[in-house]
Amino acid sequence: ITAALADREALCAMGEGARRHVLDHHTWEIIGERYVELLRDRLVAPSSGGSTTATTAP
C-alpha cells in the first residue's frame, strides 16, 4: 500500500504529459500480457483440435 501511495504521489507531482506517458506504458504492458495469454490459448487449442480432426479425416 505504501508503494502505491508513493507511486500516486509521484504521478501527481508529474506534469500531465509525463503522467499520461507512464499510465499509457503501464496499460500497454497489461494489454501485452493479456494478448500473449490469448495467443497462447489460441495456439494450444487449434493444435489439439487439428490433430484430432486430422486423424478422423479420410
PDB file of N, CA and C in Angstrom:
ATOM      1  N   ILE A   1       0.852  -1.196   0.000  1.00  0.00           N
ATOM      2  CA  ILE A   1       0.000   0.000   0.000  1.00  0.00           C
ATOM      3  C   ILE A   1       0.883   1.240   0.000  1.00  0.00           C
ATOM      4  N   THR A   2       1.972   1.200   0.738  1.00  0.00           N
ATOM      5  CA  THR A   2       2.869   2.352   0.796  1.00  0.00           C
ATOM      6  C   THR A   2       3.457   2.650  -0.576  1.00  0.00           C
ATOM      7  N   ALA A   3       3.832   1.600  -1.306  1.00  0.00           N
ATOM      8  CA  ALA A   3       4.395   1.787  -2.644  1.00  0.00           C
ATOM      9  C   ALA A   3       3.358   2.400  -3.571  1.00  0.00           C
ATOM     10  N   ALA A   4       2.113   1.957  -3.441  1.00  0.00           N
ATOM     11  CA  ALA A   4       1.050   2.501  -4.284  1.00  0.00           C
ATOM     12  C   ALA A   4       0.835   3.975  -3.984  1.00  0.00           C
ATOM     13  N   LEU A   5       0.880   4.348  -2.713  1.00  0.00           N
ATOM     14  CA  LEU A   5       0.725   5.753  -2.343  1.00  0.00           C
ATOM     15  C   LEU A   5       1.895   6.574  -2.856  1.00  0.00           C
ATOM     16  N   ALA A   6       3.099   6.026  -2.771  1.00  0.00           N
ATOM     17  CA  ALA A   6       4.277   6.730  -3.273  1.00  0.00           C
ATOM     18  C   ALA A   6       4.170   6.920  -4.781  1.00  0.00           C
ATOM     19  N   ASP A   7       3.708   5.885  -5.486  1.00  0.00           N
ATOM     20  CA  ASP A   7       3.522   5.993  -6.930  1.00  0.00           C
ATOM     21  C   ASP A   7       2.481   7.050  -7.251  1.00  0.00           C
ATOM     22  N   ARG A   8       1.426   7.075  -6.467  1.00  0.00           N
ATOM     23  CA  ARG A   8       0.358   8.044  -6.717  1.00  0.00           C
ATOM     24  C   ARG A   8       0.870   9.461  -6.508  1.00  0.00           C
ATOM     25  N   GLU A   9       1.652   9.661  -5.447  1.00  0.00           N
ATOM     26  CA  GLU A   9       2.228  10.980  -5.199  1.00  0.00           C
ATOM     27  C   GLU A   9       3.171  11.369  -6.328  1.00  0.00           C
ATOM     28  N   ALA A  10       3.945  10.414  -6.809  1.00  0.00           N
ATOM     29  CA  ALA A  10       4.877  10.692  -7.902  1.00  0.00           C
ATOM     30  C   ALA A  10       4.112  11.067  -9.166  1.00  0.00           C
ATOM     31  N   LEU A  11       3.014  10.350  -9.427  1.00  0.00           N
ATOM     32  CA  LEU A  11       2.209  10.659 -10.607  1.00  0.00           C
ATOM     33  C   LEU A  11       1.598  12.048 -10.494  1.00  0.00           C
ATOM     34  N   CYS A  12       1.144  12.403  -9.294  1.00  0.00           N
ATOM     35  CA  CYS A  12       0.539  13.720  -9.097  1.00  0.00           C
ATOM     36  C   CYS A  12       1.574  14.827  -9.264  1.00  0.00           C
ATOM     37  N   ALA A  13       2.821  14.542  -8.889  1.00  0.00           N
ATOM     38  CA  ALA A  13       3.878  15.542  -8.983  1.00  0.00           C
ATOM     39  C   ALA A  13       4.321  15.760 -10.427  1.00  0.00           C
ATOM     40  N   MET A  14       4.076  14.783 -11.282  1.00  0.00           N
ATOM     41  CA  MET A  14       4.472  14.888 -12.688  1.00  0.00           C
ATOM     42  C   MET A  14       3.577  15.865 -13.444  1.00  0.00           C
ATOM     43  N   GLY A  15       4.060  16.267 -14.593  1.00  0.00           N
ATOM     44  CA  GLY A  15       3.225  17.045 -15.489  1.00  0.00           C
ATOM     45  C   GLY A  15       2.218  16.128 -16.160  1.00  0.00           C
ATOM     46  N   GLU A  16       1.223  16.710 -16.792  1.00  0.00           N
ATOM     47  CA  GLU A  16       0.163  15.928 -17.443  1.00  0.00           C
ATOM     48  C   GLU A  16       0.718  14.996 -18.515  1.00  0.00           C
ATOM     49  N   GLY A  17       1.621  15.485 -19.344  1.00  0.00           N
ATOM     50  CA  GLY A  17       2.180  14.662 -20.414  1.00  0.00           C
ATOM     51  C   GLY A  17       2.954  13.469 -19.884  1.00  0.00           C
ATOM     52  N   ALA A  18       3.788  13.706 -18.875  1.00  0.00           N
ATOM     53  CA  ALA A  18       4.575  12.616 -18.299  1.00  0.00           C
ATOM     54  C   ALA A  18       3.663  11.600 -17.630  1.00  0.00           C
ATOM     55  N   ARG A  19       2.630  12.081 -16.949  1.00  0.00           N
ATOM     56  CA  ARG A  19       1.698  11.181 -16.271  1.00  0.00           C
ATOM     57  C   ARG A  19       0.998  10.294 -17.288  1.00  0.00           C
ATOM     58  N   ARG A  20       0.547  10.879 -18.372  1.00  0.00           N
ATOM     59  CA  ARG A  20      -0.126  10.085 -19.412  1.00  0.00           C
ATOM     60  C   ARG A  20       0.819   9.057 -20.013  1.00  0.00           C
ATOM     61  N   HIS A  21       2.062   9.454 -20.203  1.00  0.00           N
ATOM     62  CA  HIS A  21       3.048   8.533 -20.779  1.00  0.00           C
ATOM     63  C   HIS A  21       3.232   7.315 -19.874  1.00  0.00           C
ATOM     64  N   VAL A  22       3.357   7.553 -18.574  1.00  0.00           N
ATOM     65  CA  VAL A  22       3.547   6.451 -17.623  1.00  0.00           C
ATOM     66  C   VAL A  22       2.319   5.558 -17.603  1.00  0.00           C
ATOM     67  N   LEU A  23       1.135   6.150 -17.546  1.00  0.00           N
ATOM     68  CA  LEU A  23      -0.095   5.361 -17.493  1.00  0.00           C
ATOM     69  C   LEU A  23      -0.294   4.588 -18.790  1.00  0.00           C
ATOM     70  N   ASP A  24      -0.007   5.214 -19.933  1.00  0.00           N
ATOM     71  CA  ASP A  24      -0.134   4.521 -21.217  1.00  0.00           C
ATOM     72  C   ASP A  24       0.820   3.332 -21.280  1.00  0.00           C
ATOM     73  N   HIS A  25       2.043   3.545 -20.813  1.00  0.00           N
ATOM     74  CA  HIS A  25       3.035   2.468 -20.843  1.00  0.00           C
ATOM     75  C   HIS A  25       2.562   1.299 -19.986  1.00  0.00           C
ATOM     76  N   HIS A  26       2.030   1.611 -18.810  1.00  0.00           N
ATOM     77  CA  HIS A  26       1.539   0.564 -17.906  1.00  0.00           C
ATOM     78  C   HIS A  26       0.354  -0.161 -18.539  1.00  0.00           C
ATOM     79  N   THR A  27      -0.539   0.593 -19.162  1.00  0.00           N
ATOM     80  CA  THR A  27      -1.713  -0.006 -19.813  1.00  0.00           C
ATOM     81  C   THR A  27      -1.283  -0.944 -20.927  1.00  0.00           C
ATOM     82  N   TRP A  28      -0.311  -0.517 -21.731  1.00  0.00           N
ATOM     83  CA  TRP A  28       0.141  -1.369 -22.833  1.00  0.00           C
ATOM     84  C   TRP A  28       0.838  -2.618 -22.328  1.00  0.00           C
ATOM     85  N   GLU A  29       1.508  -2.518 -21.170  1.00  0.00           N
ATOM     86  CA  GLU A  29       2.119  -3.718 -20.587  1.00  0.00           C
ATOM     87  C   GLU A  29       1.044  -4.733 -20.240  1.00  0.00           C
ATOM     88  N   ILE A  30      -0.052  -4.257 -19.632  1.00  0.00           N
ATOM     89  CA  ILE A  30      -1.154  -5.151 -19.252  1.00  0.00           C
ATOM     90  C   ILE A  30      -1.792  -5.749 -20.502  1.00  0.00           C
ATOM     91  N   ILE A  31      -2.043  -4.905 -21.513  1.00  0.00           N
ATOM     92  CA  ILE A  31      -2.654  -5.386 -22.755  1.00  0.00           C
ATOM     93  C   ILE A  31      -1.742  -6.427 -23.409  1.00  0.00           C
ATOM     94  N   GLY A  32      -0.444  -6.171 -23.400  1.00  0.00           N
ATOM     95  CA  GLY A  32       0.507  -7.113 -23.985  1.00  0.00           C
ATOM     96  C   GLY A  32       0.475  -8.465 -23.296  1.00  0.00           C
ATOM     97  N   GLU A  33       0.405  -8.446 -21.962  1.00  0.00           N
ATOM     98  CA  GLU A  33       0.354  -9.713 -21.221  1.00  0.00           C
ATOM     99  C   GLU A  33      -0.915 -10.481 -21.559  1.00  0.00           C
ATOM    100  N   ARG A  34      -2.046  -9.784 -21.622  1.00  0.00           N
ATOM    101  CA  ARG A  34      -3.314 -10.445 -21.937  1.00  0.00           C
ATOM    102  C   ARG A  34      -3.286 -10.991 -23.366  1.00  0.00           C
ATOM    103  N   TYR A  35      -2.690 -10.208 -24.279  1.00  0.00           N
ATOM    104  CA  TYR A  35      -2.626 -10.616 -25.680  1.00  0.00           C
ATOM    105  C   TYR A  35      -1.798 -11.892 -25.832  1.00  0.00           C
ATOM    106  N   VAL A  36      -0.685 -11.945 -25.104  1.00  0.00           N
ATOM    107  CA  VAL A  36       0.160 -13.144 -25.155  1.00  0.00           C
ATOM    108  C   VAL A  36      -0.612 -14.350 -24.625  1.00  0.00           C
ATOM    109  N   GLU A  37      -1.377 -14.147 -23.538  1.00  0.00           N
ATOM    110  CA  GLU A  37      -2.177 -15.244 -22.983  1.00  0.00           C
ATOM    111  C   GLU A  37      -3.210 -15.715 -24.006  1.00  0.00           C
ATOM    112  N   LEU A  38      -3.864 -14.769 -24.677  1.00  0.00           N
ATOM    113  CA  LEU A  38      -4.864 -15.131 -25.685  1.00  0.00           C
ATOM    114  C   LEU A  38      -4.220 -15.893 -26.836  1.00  0.00           C
ATOM    115  N   LEU A  39      -3.067 -15.415 -27.300  1.00  0.00           N
ATOM    116  CA  LEU A  39      -2.372 -16.101 -28.388  1.00  0.00           C
ATOM    117  C   LEU A  39      -1.984 -17.510 -27.973  1.00  0.00           C
ATOM    118  N   ARG A  40      -1.488 -17.647 -26.759  1.00  0.00           N
ATOM    119  CA  ARG A  40      -1.076 -18.957 -26.266  1.00  0.00           C
ATOM    120  C   ARG A  40      -2.283 -19.894 -26.240  1.00  0.00           C
ATOM    121  N   ASP A  41      -3.419 -19.408 -25.744  1.00  0.00           N
ATOM    122  CA  ASP A  41      -4.631 -20.231 -25.699  1.00  0.00           C
ATOM    123  C   ASP A  41      -5.063 -20.632 -27.105  1.00  0.00           C
ATOM    124  N   ARG A  42      -4.990 -19.700 -28.047  1.00  0.00           N
ATOM    125  CA  ARG A  42      -5.421 -19.992 -29.418  1.00  0.00           C
ATOM    126  C   ARG A  42      -4.475 -20.965 -30.103  1.00  0.00           C
ATOM    127  N   LEU A  43      -3.191 -20.846 -29.812  1.00  0.00           N
ATOM    128  CA  LEU A  43      -2.222 -21.748 -30.436  1.00  0.00           C
ATOM    129  C   LEU A  43      -2.346 -23.153 -29.865  1.00  0.00           C
ATOM    130  N   VAL A  44      -2.657 -23.257 -28.581  1.00  0.00           N
ATOM    131  CA  VAL A  44      -2.779 -24.573 -27.952  1.00  0.00           C
ATOM    132  C   VAL A  44      -4.067 -25.255 -28.395  1.00  0.00           C
ATOM    133  N   ALA A  45      -5.178 -24.531 -28.397  1.00  0.00           N
ATOM    134  CA  ALA A  45      -6.473 -25.137 -28.725  1.00  0.00           C
ATOM    135  C   ALA A  45      -6.537 -25.666 -30.164  1.00  0.00           C
ATOM    136  N   PRO A  46      -6.206 -24.862 -31.182  1.00  0.00           N
ATOM    137  CA  PRO A  46      -6.293 -25.391 -32.553  1.00  0.00           C
ATOM    138  C   PRO A  46      -5.331 -26.546 -32.802  1.00  0.00           C
ATOM    139  N   SER A  47      -4.172 -26.546 -32.170  1.00  0.00           N
ATOM    140  CA  SER A  47      -3.223 -27.635 -32.422  1.00  0.00           C
ATOM    141  C   SER A  47      -3.779 -28.953 -31.905  1.00  0.00           C
ATOM    142  N   SER A  48      -4.427 -28.934 -30.741  1.00  0.00           N
ATOM    143  CA  SER A  48      -5.015 -30.168 -30.216  1.00  0.00           C
ATOM    144  C   SER A  48      -6.237 -30.542 -31.043  1.00  0.00           C
ATOM    145  N   GLY A  49      -7.043 -29.530 -31.432  1.00  0.00           N
ATOM    146  CA  GLY A  49      -8.219 -29.807 -32.257  1.00  0.00           C
ATOM    147  C   GLY A  49      -7.814 -30.264 -33.643  1.00  0.00           C
ATOM    148  N   GLY A  50      -6.740 -29.673 -34.178  1.00  0.00           N
ATOM    149  CA  GLY A  50      -6.296 -30.042 -35.514  1.00  0.00           C
ATOM    150  C   GLY A  50      -5.802 -31.469 -35.577  1.00  0.00           C
ATOM    151  N   SER A  51      -5.171 -31.936 -34.524  1.00  0.00           N
ATOM    152  CA  SER A  51      -4.650 -33.304 -34.542  1.00  0.00           C
ATOM    153  C   SER A  51      -5.796 -34.309 -34.517  1.00  0.00           C
ATOM    154  N   THR A  52      -6.876 -34.000 -33.812  1.00  0.00           N
ATOM    155  CA  THR A  52      -7.999 -34.942 -33.749  1.00  0.00           C
ATOM    156  C   THR A  52      -8.745 -34.960 -35.078  1.00  0.00           C
ATOM    157  N   THR A  53      -8.895 -33.791 -35.715  1.00  0.00           N
ATOM    158  CA  THR A  53      -9.601 -33.762 -36.998  1.00  0.00           C
ATOM    159  C   THR A  53      -8.749 -34.423 -38.078  1.00  0.00           C
ATOM    160  N   ALA A  54      -7.437 -34.325 -37.962  1.00  0.00           N
ATOM    161  CA  ALA A  54      -6.551 -34.935 -38.955  1.00  0.00           C
ATOM    162  C   ALA A  54      -6.654 -36.460 -38.891  1.00  0.00           C
ATOM    163  N   THR A  55      -6.851 -37.001 -37.697  1.00  0.00           N
ATOM    164  CA  THR A  55      -6.933 -38.458 -37.575  1.00  0.00           C
ATOM    165  C   THR A  55      -8.283 -38.966 -38.073  1.00  0.00           C
ATOM    166  N   THR A  56      -9.337 -38.143 -37.971  1.00  0.00           N
ATOM    167  CA  THR A  56     -10.660 -38.591 -38.409  1.00  0.00           C
ATOM    168  C   THR A  56     -10.882 -38.309 -39.887  1.00  0.00           C
ATOM    169  N   ALA A  57     -10.042 -37.449 -40.488  1.00  0.00           N
ATOM    170  CA  ALA A  57     -10.233 -37.115 -41.900  1.00  0.00           C
ATOM    171  C   ALA A  57      -9.906 -38.325 -42.774  1.00  0.00           C
ATOM    172  N   PRO A  58     -10.662 -38.518 -43.842  1.00  0.00           N
ATOM    173  CA  PRO A  58     -10.422 -39.665 -44.735  1.00  0.00           C
ATOM    174  C   PRO A  58      -9.115 -39.526 -45.522  1.00  0.00           C
TER     175      PRO A  58
END
